[in-house]
Amino acid sequence: MKYILPALLVLVCTGDIAAAGSIKSNMLERRTARAIRNAGFWCDRITDAQIDKGLSSMGPTIVRVTCDDKTRFEQYKVTMTKDNKIAKIEPWK
């Protein structure tokens, strides 16, 4: 019985931490989608973002961003600076 309360407390705290992480992730996705649109490309909803380790190994970080709203699909190559700001956005070929 004395282990139930600490277990519930851990469960509640873990849920709050996960929710805070997803809020930060959603905000970052919206900010990236806005930057892509401001560059003149289409992006309503980001469904995936992966660091391209092959291209990133020789210089700046390259992130492959996938925008997909189930009617349209586009991928972009987003080049990041050392302080994690977007330097360049171009269509993924």
PDB file of N, CA and C in Angstrom:
ATOM      1  N   MET A   1       0.823  -1.193   0.000  1.00  0.00           N
ATOM      2  CA  MET A   1       0.000   0.000   0.000  1.00  0.00           C
ATOM      3  C   MET A   1       0.866   1.255   0.000  1.00  0.00           C
ATOM      4  N   LYS A   2       2.025   1.200   0.701  1.00  0.00           N
ATOM      5  CA  LYS A   2       2.840   2.403   0.773  1.00  0.00           C
ATOM      6  C   LYS A   2       3.545   2.696  -0.550  1.00  0.00           C
ATOM      7  N   TYR A   3       3.541   1.778  -1.518  1.00  0.00           N
ATOM      8  CA  TYR A   3       4.186   1.989  -2.823  1.00  0.00           C
ATOM      9  C   TYR A   3       3.230   2.546  -3.870  1.00  0.00           C
ATOM     10  N   ILE A   4       1.938   2.529  -3.570  1.00  0.00           N
ATOM     11  CA  ILE A   4       0.961   2.979  -4.553  1.00  0.00           C
ATOM     12  C   ILE A   4       1.056   4.488  -4.785  1.00  0.00           C
ATOM     13  N   LEU A   5       1.126   5.273  -3.733  1.00  0.00           N
ATOM     14  CA  LEU A   5       1.185   6.730  -3.875  1.00  0.00           C
ATOM     15  C   LEU A   5       2.441   7.178  -4.626  1.00  0.00           C
ATOM     16  N   PRO A   6       3.642   6.704  -4.291  1.00  0.00           N
ATOM     17  CA  PRO A   6       4.815   7.110  -5.071  1.00  0.00           C
ATOM     18  C   PRO A   6       4.731   6.675  -6.537  1.00  0.00           C
ATOM     19  N   ALA A   7       4.156   5.506  -6.780  1.00  0.00           N
ATOM     20  CA  ALA A   7       4.019   5.036  -8.165  1.00  0.00           C
ATOM     21  C   ALA A   7       3.075   5.937  -8.949  1.00  0.00           C
ATOM     22  N   LEU A   8       1.965   6.335  -8.340  1.00  0.00           N
ATOM     23  CA  LEU A   8       1.036   7.244  -9.003  1.00  0.00           C
ATOM     24  C   LEU A   8       1.675   8.605  -9.239  1.00  0.00           C
ATOM     25  N   LEU A   9       2.452   9.087  -8.293  1.00  0.00           N
ATOM     26  CA  LEU A   9       3.135  10.370  -8.433  1.00  0.00           C
ATOM     27  C   LEU A   9       4.124  10.327  -9.601  1.00  0.00           C
ATOM     28  N   VAL A  10       4.874   9.254  -9.723  1.00  0.00           N
ATOM     29  CA  VAL A  10       5.818   9.098 -10.834  1.00  0.00           C
ATOM     30  C   VAL A  10       5.068   9.054 -12.160  1.00  0.00           C
ATOM     31  N   LEU A  11       3.948   8.340 -12.190  1.00  0.00           N
ATOM     32  CA  LEU A  11       3.155   8.236 -13.404  1.00  0.00           C
ATOM     33  C   LEU A  11       2.625   9.603 -13.844  1.00  0.00           C
ATOM     34  N   VAL A  12       2.127  10.393 -12.914  1.00  0.00           N
ATOM     35  CA  VAL A  12       1.599  11.728 -13.227  1.00  0.00           C
ATOM     36  C   VAL A  12       2.724  12.645 -13.701  1.00  0.00           C
ATOM     37  N   CYS A  13       3.860  12.632 -13.026  1.00  0.00           N
ATOM     38  CA  CYS A  13       4.987  13.486 -13.411  1.00  0.00           C
ATOM     39  C   CYS A  13       5.541  13.096 -14.783  1.00  0.00           C
ATOM     40  N   THR A  14       5.604  11.828 -15.077  1.00  0.00           N
ATOM     41  CA  THR A  14       6.090  11.367 -16.369  1.00  0.00           C
ATOM     42  C   THR A  14       5.170  11.853 -17.485  1.00  0.00           C
ATOM     43  N   GLY A  15       3.887  11.835 -17.249  1.00  0.00           N
ATOM     44  CA  GLY A  15       2.925  12.333 -18.233  1.00  0.00           C
ATOM     45  C   GLY A  15       3.106  13.816 -18.492  1.00  0.00           C
ATOM     46  N   ASP A  16       3.352  14.605 -17.440  1.00  0.00           N
ATOM     47  CA  ASP A  16       3.577  16.041 -17.604  1.00  0.00           C
ATOM     48  C   ASP A  16       4.850  16.318 -18.387  1.00  0.00           C
ATOM     49  N   ILE A  17       5.898  15.576 -18.136  1.00  0.00           N
ATOM     50  CA  ILE A  17       7.164  15.762 -18.853  1.00  0.00           C
ATOM     51  C   ILE A  17       6.988  15.407 -20.321  1.00  0.00           C
ATOM     52  N   ALA A  18       6.288  14.330 -20.615  1.00  0.00           N
ATOM     53  CA  ALA A  18       6.045  13.931 -22.008  1.00  0.00           C
ATOM     54  C   ALA A  18       5.206  14.974 -22.725  1.00  0.00           C
ATOM     55  N   ALA A  19       4.206  15.533 -22.043  1.00  0.00           N
ATOM     56  CA  ALA A  19       3.362  16.559 -22.660  1.00  0.00           C
ATOM     57  C   ALA A  19       4.169  17.815 -22.953  1.00  0.00           C
ATOM     58  N   ALA A  20       5.062  18.201 -22.057  1.00  0.00           N
ATOM     59  CA  ALA A  20       5.901  19.371 -22.290  1.00  0.00           C
ATOM     60  C   ALA A  20       6.823  19.144 -23.476  1.00  0.00           C
ATOM     61  N   GLY A  21       7.350  17.935 -23.622  1.00  0.00           N
ATOM     62  CA  GLY A  21       8.209  17.624 -24.761  1.00  0.00           C
ATOM     63  C   GLY A  21       7.454  17.681 -26.066  1.00  0.00           C
ATOM     64  N   SER A  22       6.221  17.179 -26.091  1.00  0.00           N
ATOM     65  CA  SER A  22       5.441  17.204 -27.330  1.00  0.00           C
ATOM     66  C   SER A  22       5.004  18.617 -27.675  1.00  0.00           C
ATOM     67  N   ILE A  23       4.749  19.467 -26.691  1.00  0.00           N
ATOM     68  CA  ILE A  23       4.407  20.867 -26.947  1.00  0.00           C
ATOM     69  C   ILE A  23       5.591  21.574 -27.592  1.00  0.00           C
ATOM     70  N   LYS A  24       6.780  21.338 -27.071  1.00  0.00           N
ATOM     71  CA  LYS A  24       7.977  21.946 -27.645  1.00  0.00           C
ATOM     72  C   LYS A  24       8.205  21.435 -29.059  1.00  0.00           C
ATOM     73  N   SER A  25       7.993  20.155 -29.288  1.00  0.00           N
ATOM     74  CA  SER A  25       8.145  19.569 -30.613  1.00  0.00           C
ATOM     75  C   SER A  25       7.136  20.162 -31.594  1.00  0.00           C
ATOM     76  N   ASN A  26       5.879  20.293 -31.179  1.00  0.00           N
ATOM     77  CA  ASN A  26       4.854  20.879 -32.036  1.00  0.00           C
ATOM     78  C   ASN A  26       5.182  22.320 -32.390  1.00  0.00           C
ATOM     79  N   MET A  27       5.690  23.079 -31.429  1.00  0.00           N
ATOM     80  CA  MET A  27       6.053  24.463 -31.687  1.00  0.00           C
ATOM     81  C   MET A  27       7.195  24.538 -32.695  1.00  0.00           C
ATOM     82  N   LEU A  28       8.180  23.653 -32.567  1.00  0.00           N
ATOM     83  CA  LEU A  28       9.298  23.614 -33.499  1.00  0.00           C
ATOM     84  C   LEU A  28       8.828  23.224 -34.902  1.00  0.00           C
ATOM     85  N   GLU A  29       7.905  22.270 -34.996  1.00  0.00           N
ATOM     86  CA  GLU A  29       7.360  21.876 -36.294  1.00  0.00           C
ATOM     87  C   GLU A  29       6.605  23.024 -36.950  1.00  0.00           C
ATOM     88  N   ARG A  30       5.794  23.739 -36.193  1.00  0.00           N
ATOM     89  CA  ARG A  30       5.048  24.872 -36.753  1.00  0.00           C
ATOM     90  C   ARG A  30       5.992  25.973 -37.224  1.00  0.00           C
ATOM     91  N   ARG A  31       7.034  26.234 -36.434  1.00  0.00           N
ATOM     92  CA  ARG A  31       8.015  27.264 -36.795  1.00  0.00           C
ATOM     93  C   ARG A  31       8.760  26.873 -38.075  1.00  0.00           C
ATOM     94  N   THR A  32       9.118  25.607 -38.214  1.00  0.00           N
ATOM     95  CA  THR A  32       9.813  25.134 -39.407  1.00  0.00           C
ATOM     96  C   THR A  32       8.895  25.197 -40.619  1.00  0.00           C
ATOM     97  N   ALA A  33       7.640  24.768 -40.478  1.00  0.00           N
ATOM     98  CA  ALA A  33       6.677  24.839 -41.580  1.00  0.00           C
ATOM     99  C   ALA A  33       6.480  26.284 -42.025  1.00  0.00           C
ATOM    100  N   ARG A  34       6.418  27.203 -41.082  1.00  0.00           N
ATOM    101  CA  ARG A  34       6.271  28.627 -41.416  1.00  0.00           C
ATOM    102  C   ARG A  34       7.488  29.133 -42.183  1.00  0.00           C
ATOM    103  N   ALA A  35       8.686  28.720 -41.769  1.00  0.00           N
ATOM    104  CA  ALA A  35       9.904  29.134 -42.469  1.00  0.00           C
ATOM    105  C   ALA A  35       9.921  28.591 -43.898  1.00  0.00           C
ATOM    106  N   ILE A  36       9.452  27.357 -44.086  1.00  0.00           N
ATOM    107  CA  ILE A  36       9.385  26.768 -45.428  1.00  0.00           C
ATOM    108  C   ILE A  36       8.399  27.550 -46.293  1.00  0.00           C
ATOM    109  N   ARG A  37       7.244  27.889 -45.743  1.00  0.00           N
ATOM    110  CA  ARG A  37       6.261  28.673 -46.502  1.00  0.00           C
ATOM    111  C   ARG A  37       6.799  30.061 -46.816  1.00  0.00           C
ATOM    112  N   ASN A  38       7.493  30.687 -45.878  1.00  0.00           N
ATOM    113  CA  ASN A  38       8.062  32.015 -46.113  1.00  0.00           C
ATOM    114  C   ASN A  38       9.140  31.992 -47.198  1.00  0.00           C
ATOM    115  N   ALA A  39       9.765  30.832 -47.404  1.00  0.00           N
ATOM    116  CA  ALA A  39      10.768  30.687 -48.462  1.00  0.00           C
ATOM    117  C   ALA A  39      10.109  30.457 -49.821  1.00  0.00           C
ATOM    118  N   GLY A  40       8.778  30.379 -49.864  1.00  0.00           N
ATOM    119  CA  GLY A  40       8.057  30.238 -51.115  1.00  0.00           C
ATOM    120  C   GLY A  40       7.675  28.819 -51.479  1.00  0.00           C
ATOM    121  N   PHE A  41       7.791  27.888 -50.548  1.00  0.00           N
ATOM    122  CA  PHE A  41       7.452  26.495 -50.806  1.00  0.00           C
ATOM    123  C   PHE A  41       6.176  26.130 -50.065  1.00  0.00           C
ATOM    124  N   TRP A  42       5.586  24.995 -50.451  1.00  0.00           N
ATOM    125  CA  TRP A  42       4.375  24.518 -49.801  1.00  0.00           C
ATOM    126  C   TRP A  42       4.735  23.653 -48.604  1.00  0.00           C
ATOM    127  N   CYS A  43       4.079  23.878 -47.491  1.00  0.00           N
ATOM    128  CA  CYS A  43       4.194  22.992 -46.329  1.00  0.00           C
ATOM    129  C   CYS A  43       3.089  23.345 -45.340  1.00  0.00           C
ATOM    130  N   ASP A  44       2.050  22.533 -45.313  1.00  0.00           N
ATOM    131  CA  ASP A  44       0.970  22.754 -44.352  1.00  0.00           C
ATOM    132  C   ASP A  44       1.192  21.997 -43.059  1.00  0.00           C
ATOM    133  N   ARG A  45       1.737  20.779 -43.181  1.00  0.00           N
ATOM    134  CA  ARG A  45       1.909  19.943 -41.986  1.00  0.00           C
ATOM    135  C   ARG A  45       3.166  19.101 -42.129  1.00  0.00           C
ATOM    136  N   ILE A  46       4.049  19.203 -41.156  1.00  0.00           N
ATOM    137  CA  ILE A  46       5.263  18.390 -41.158  1.00  0.00           C
ATOM    138  C   ILE A  46       4.940  17.043 -40.539  1.00  0.00           C
ATOM    139  N   THR A  47       5.239  15.975 -41.289  1.00  0.00           N
ATOM    140  CA  THR A  47       4.976  14.634 -40.776  1.00  0.00           C
ATOM    141  C   THR A  47       6.249  13.915 -40.362  1.00  0.00           C
ATOM    142  N   ASP A  48       7.404  14.397 -40.834  1.00  0.00           N
ATOM    143  CA  ASP A  48       8.661  13.744 -40.474  1.00  0.00           C
ATOM    144  C   ASP A  48       9.818  14.722 -40.656  1.00  0.00           C
ATOM    145  N   ALA A  49      10.818  14.593 -39.826  1.00  0.00           N
ATOM    146  CA  ALA A  49      12.050  15.370 -39.952  1.00  0.00           C
ATOM    147  C   ALA A  49      13.194  14.487 -39.471  1.00  0.00           C
ATOM    148  N   GLN A  50      14.159  14.251 -40.358  1.00  0.00           N
ATOM    149  CA  GLN A  50      15.285  13.369 -40.047  1.00  0.00           C
ATOM    150  C   GLN A  50      16.587  14.056 -40.429  1.00  0.00           C
ATOM    151  N   ILE A  51      17.592  13.946 -39.582  1.00  0.00           N
ATOM    152  CA  ILE A  51      18.919  14.451 -39.921  1.00  0.00           C
ATOM    153  C   ILE A  51      19.542  13.498 -40.922  1.00  0.00           C
ATOM    154  N   ASP A  52      20.039  14.037 -42.035  1.00  0.00           N
ATOM    155  CA  ASP A  52      20.725  13.231 -43.040  1.00  0.00           C
ATOM    156  C   ASP A  52      22.180  13.112 -42.596  1.00  0.00           C
ATOM    157  N   LYS A  53      22.518  11.983 -42.009  1.00  0.00           N
ATOM    158  CA  LYS A  53      23.855  11.800 -41.432  1.00  0.00           C
ATOM    159  C   LYS A  53      24.939  11.773 -42.493  1.00  0.00           C
ATOM    160  N   GLY A  54      24.637  11.286 -43.684  1.00  0.00           N
ATOM    161  CA  GLY A  54      25.621  11.245 -44.756  1.00  0.00           C
ATOM    162  C   GLY A  54      26.021  12.635 -45.217  1.00  0.00           C
ATOM    163  N   LEU A  55      25.028  13.495 -45.478  1.00  0.00           N
ATOM    164  CA  LEU A  55      25.327  14.851 -45.918  1.00  0.00           C
ATOM    165  C   LEU A  55      25.825  15.730 -44.779  1.00  0.00           C
ATOM    166  N   SER A  56      25.392  15.460 -43.567  1.00  0.00           N
ATOM    167  CA  SER A  56      25.773  16.288 -42.423  1.00  0.00           C
ATOM    168  C   SER A  56      27.177  15.984 -41.910  1.00  0.00           C
ATOM    169  N   SER A  57      27.744  14.860 -42.318  1.00  0.00           N
ATOM    170  CA  SER A  57      29.049  14.468 -41.774  1.00  0.00           C
ATOM    171  C   SER A  57      30.179  15.376 -42.243  1.00  0.00           C
ATOM    172  N   MET A  58      30.006  16.029 -43.381  1.00  0.00           N
ATOM    173  CA  MET A  58      31.086  16.832 -43.932  1.00  0.00           C
ATOM    174  C   MET A  58      30.907  18.335 -43.727  1.00  0.00           C
ATOM    175  N   GLY A  59      29.901  18.758 -43.018  1.00  0.00           N
ATOM    176  CA  GLY A  59      29.710  20.194 -42.854  1.00  0.00           C
ATOM    177  C   GLY A  59      28.528  20.505 -41.964  1.00  0.00           C
ATOM    178  N   PRO A  60      27.693  21.456 -42.403  1.00  0.00           N
ATOM    179  CA  PRO A  60      26.530  21.840 -41.581  1.00  0.00           C
ATOM    180  C   PRO A  60      25.494  20.723 -41.507  1.00  0.00           C
ATOM    181  N   THR A  61      24.624  20.826 -40.531  1.00  0.00           N
ATOM    182  CA  THR A  61      23.574  19.828 -40.337  1.00  0.00           C
ATOM    183  C   THR A  61      22.504  19.984 -41.410  1.00  0.00           C
ATOM    184  N   ILE A  62      22.192  18.881 -42.082  1.00  0.00           N
ATOM    185  CA  ILE A  62      21.151  18.850 -43.112  1.00  0.00           C
ATOM    186  C   ILE A  62      19.993  18.014 -42.572  1.00  0.00           C
ATOM    187  N   VAL A  63      18.790  18.598 -42.589  1.00  0.00           N
ATOM    188  CA  VAL A  63      17.601  17.904 -42.103  1.00  0.00           C
ATOM    189  C   VAL A  63      16.641  17.708 -43.275  1.00  0.00           C
ATOM    190  N   ARG A  64      16.187  16.473 -43.470  1.00  0.00           N
ATOM    191  CA  ARG A  64      15.182  16.185 -44.494  1.00  0.00           C
ATOM    192  C   ARG A  64      13.815  16.313 -43.832  1.00  0.00           C
ATOM    193  N   VAL A  65      13.029  17.281 -44.313  1.00  0.00           N
ATOM    194  CA  VAL A  65      11.714  17.567 -43.749  1.00  0.00           C
ATOM    195  C   VAL A  65      10.651  17.099 -44.733  1.00  0.00           C
ATOM    196  N   THR A  66       9.702  16.319 -44.244  1.00  0.00           N
ATOM    197  CA  THR A  66       8.606  15.822 -45.070  1.00  0.00           C
ATOM    198  C   THR A  66       7.322  16.540 -44.683  1.00  0.00           C
ATOM    199  N   CYS A  67       6.674  17.131 -45.672  1.00  0.00           N
ATOM    200  CA  CYS A  67       5.378  17.780 -45.476  1.00  0.00           C
ATOM    201  C   CYS A  67       4.336  16.949 -46.203  1.00  0.00           C
ATOM    202  N   ASP A  68       3.295  16.555 -45.492  1.00  0.00           N
ATOM    203  CA  ASP A  68       2.281  15.681 -46.072  1.00  0.00           C
ATOM    204  C   ASP A  68       0.952  15.948 -45.384  1.00  0.00           C
ATOM    205  N   ASP A  69      -0.059  16.297 -46.176  1.00  0.00           N
ATOM    206  CA  ASP A  69      -1.390  16.492 -45.603  1.00  0.00           C
ATOM    207  C   ASP A  69      -2.395  15.487 -46.163  1.00  0.00           C
ATOM    208  N   LYS A  70      -1.895  14.364 -46.679  1.00  0.00           N
ATOM    209  CA  LYS A  70      -2.663  13.253 -47.249  1.00  0.00           C
ATOM    210  C   LYS A  70      -3.228  13.578 -48.629  1.00  0.00           C
ATOM    211  N   THR A  71      -3.034  14.799 -49.133  1.00  0.00           N
ATOM    212  CA  THR A  71      -3.401  15.125 -50.508  1.00  0.00           C
ATOM    213  C   THR A  71      -2.189  15.578 -51.311  1.00  0.00           C
ATOM    214  N   ARG A  72      -1.177  16.021 -50.617  1.00  0.00           N
ATOM    215  CA  ARG A  72       0.044  16.500 -51.264  1.00  0.00           C
ATOM    216  C   ARG A  72       1.244  16.095 -50.425  1.00  0.00           C
ATOM    217  N   PHE A  73       2.357  15.755 -51.102  1.00  0.00           N
ATOM    218  CA  PHE A  73       3.558  15.264 -50.427  1.00  0.00           C
ATOM    219  C   PHE A  73       4.767  16.007 -50.998  1.00  0.00           C
ATOM    220  N   GLU A  74       5.554  16.632 -50.141  1.00  0.00           N
ATOM    221  CA  GLU A  74       6.771  17.332 -50.558  1.00  0.00           C
ATOM    222  C   GLU A  74       7.861  17.076 -49.521  1.00  0.00           C
ATOM    223  N   GLN A  75       9.117  17.046 -49.985  1.00  0.00           N
ATOM    224  CA  GLN A  75      10.255  16.927 -49.073  1.00  0.00           C
ATOM    225  C   GLN A  75      11.225  18.065 -49.349  1.00  0.00           C
ATOM    226  N   TYR A  76      11.841  18.556 -48.272  1.00  0.00           N
ATOM    227  CA  TYR A  76      12.768  19.676 -48.378  1.00  0.00           C
ATOM    228  C   TYR A  76      14.063  19.356 -47.652  1.00  0.00           C
ATOM    229  N   LYS A  77      15.134  19.960 -48.129  1.00  0.00           N
ATOM    230  CA  LYS A  77      16.436  19.856 -47.479  1.00  0.00           C
ATOM    231  C   LYS A  77      16.653  21.175 -46.749  1.00  0.00           C
ATOM    232  N   VAL A  78      16.696  21.115 -45.432  1.00  0.00           N
ATOM    233  CA  VAL A  78      16.860  22.306 -44.603  1.00  0.00           C
ATOM    234  C   VAL A  78      18.275  22.281 -44.038  1.00  0.00           C
ATOM    235  N   THR A  79      19.062  23.291 -44.378  1.00  0.00           N
ATOM    236  CA  THR A  79      20.431  23.406 -43.893  1.00  0.00           C
ATOM    237  C   THR A  79      20.424  24.264 -42.638  1.00  0.00           C
ATOM    238  N   MET A  80      21.020  23.742 -41.573  1.00  0.00           N
ATOM    239  CA  MET A  80      21.041  24.437 -40.285  1.00  0.00           C
ATOM    240  C   MET A  80      22.424  25.027 -40.018  1.00  0.00           C
ATOM    241  N   THR A  81      22.470  26.153 -39.301  1.00  0.00           N
ATOM    242  CA  THR A  81      23.738  26.736 -38.887  1.00  0.00           C
ATOM    243  C   THR A  81      24.199  26.059 -37.605  1.00  0.00           C
ATOM    244  N   LYS A  82      25.365  26.453 -37.130  1.00  0.00           N
ATOM    245  CA  LYS A  82      25.895  25.843 -35.893  1.00  0.00           C
ATOM    246  C   LYS A  82      25.041  26.152 -34.680  1.00  0.00           C
ATOM    247  N   ASP A  83      24.345  27.295 -34.687  1.00  0.00           N
ATOM    248  CA  ASP A  83      23.492  27.639 -33.548  1.00  0.00           C
ATOM    249  C   ASP A  83      22.026  27.258 -33.800  1.00  0.00           C
ATOM    250  N   ASN A  84      21.818  26.229 -34.656  1.00  0.00           N
ATOM    251  CA  ASN A  84      20.503  25.631 -34.941  1.00  0.00           C
ATOM    252  C   ASN A  84      19.481  26.614 -35.503  1.00  0.00           C
ATOM    253  N   LYS A  85      19.924  27.475 -36.393  1.00  0.00           N
ATOM    254  CA  LYS A  85      19.015  28.350 -37.119  1.00  0.00           C
ATOM    255  C   LYS A  85      19.004  27.906 -38.571  1.00  0.00           C
ATOM    256  N   ILE A  86      17.917  28.157 -39.254  1.00  0.00           N
ATOM    257  CA  ILE A  86      17.788  27.734 -40.646  1.00  0.00           C
ATOM    258  C   ILE A  86      18.613  28.657 -41.533  1.00  0.00           C
ATOM    259  N   ALA A  87      19.532  28.056 -42.294  1.00  0.00           N
ATOM    260  CA  ALA A  87      20.371  28.823 -43.203  1.00  0.00           C
ATOM    261  C   ALA A  87      19.819  28.789 -44.623  1.00  0.00           C
ATOM    262  N   LYS A  88      19.297  27.618 -45.045  1.00  0.00           N
ATOM    263  CA  LYS A  88      18.831  27.477 -46.432  1.00  0.00           C
ATOM    264  C   LYS A  88      17.779  26.394 -46.503  1.00  0.00           C
ATOM    265  N   ILE A  89      16.787  26.609 -47.377  1.00  0.00           N
ATOM    266  CA  ILE A  89      15.727  25.634 -47.616  1.00  0.00           C
ATOM    267  C   ILE A  89      15.660  25.406 -49.117  1.00  0.00           C
ATOM    268  N   GLU A  90      15.709  24.128 -49.511  1.00  0.00           N
ATOM    269  CA  GLU A  90      15.566  23.803 -50.930  1.00  0.00           C
ATOM    270  C   GLU A  90      14.809  22.492 -51.073  1.00  0.00           C
ATOM    271  N   PRO A  91      14.141  22.299 -52.221  1.00  0.00           N
ATOM    272  CA  PRO A  91      13.424  21.040 -52.428  1.00  0.00           C
ATOM    273  C   PRO A  91      14.374  19.861 -52.422  1.00  0.00           C
ATOM    274  N   TRP A  92      13.935  18.737 -51.879  1.00  0.00           N
ATOM    275  CA  TRP A  92      14.732  17.513 -51.837  1.00  0.00           C
ATOM    276  C   TRP A  92      14.640  16.854 -53.202  1.00  0.00           C
ATOM    277  N   LYS A  93      15.763  16.542 -53.787  1.00  0.00           N
ATOM    278  CA  LYS A  93      15.759  15.940 -55.131  1.00  0.00           C
ATOM    279  C   LYS A  93      16.108  14.487 -55.076  1.00  0.00           C
TER     280      LYS A  93
END
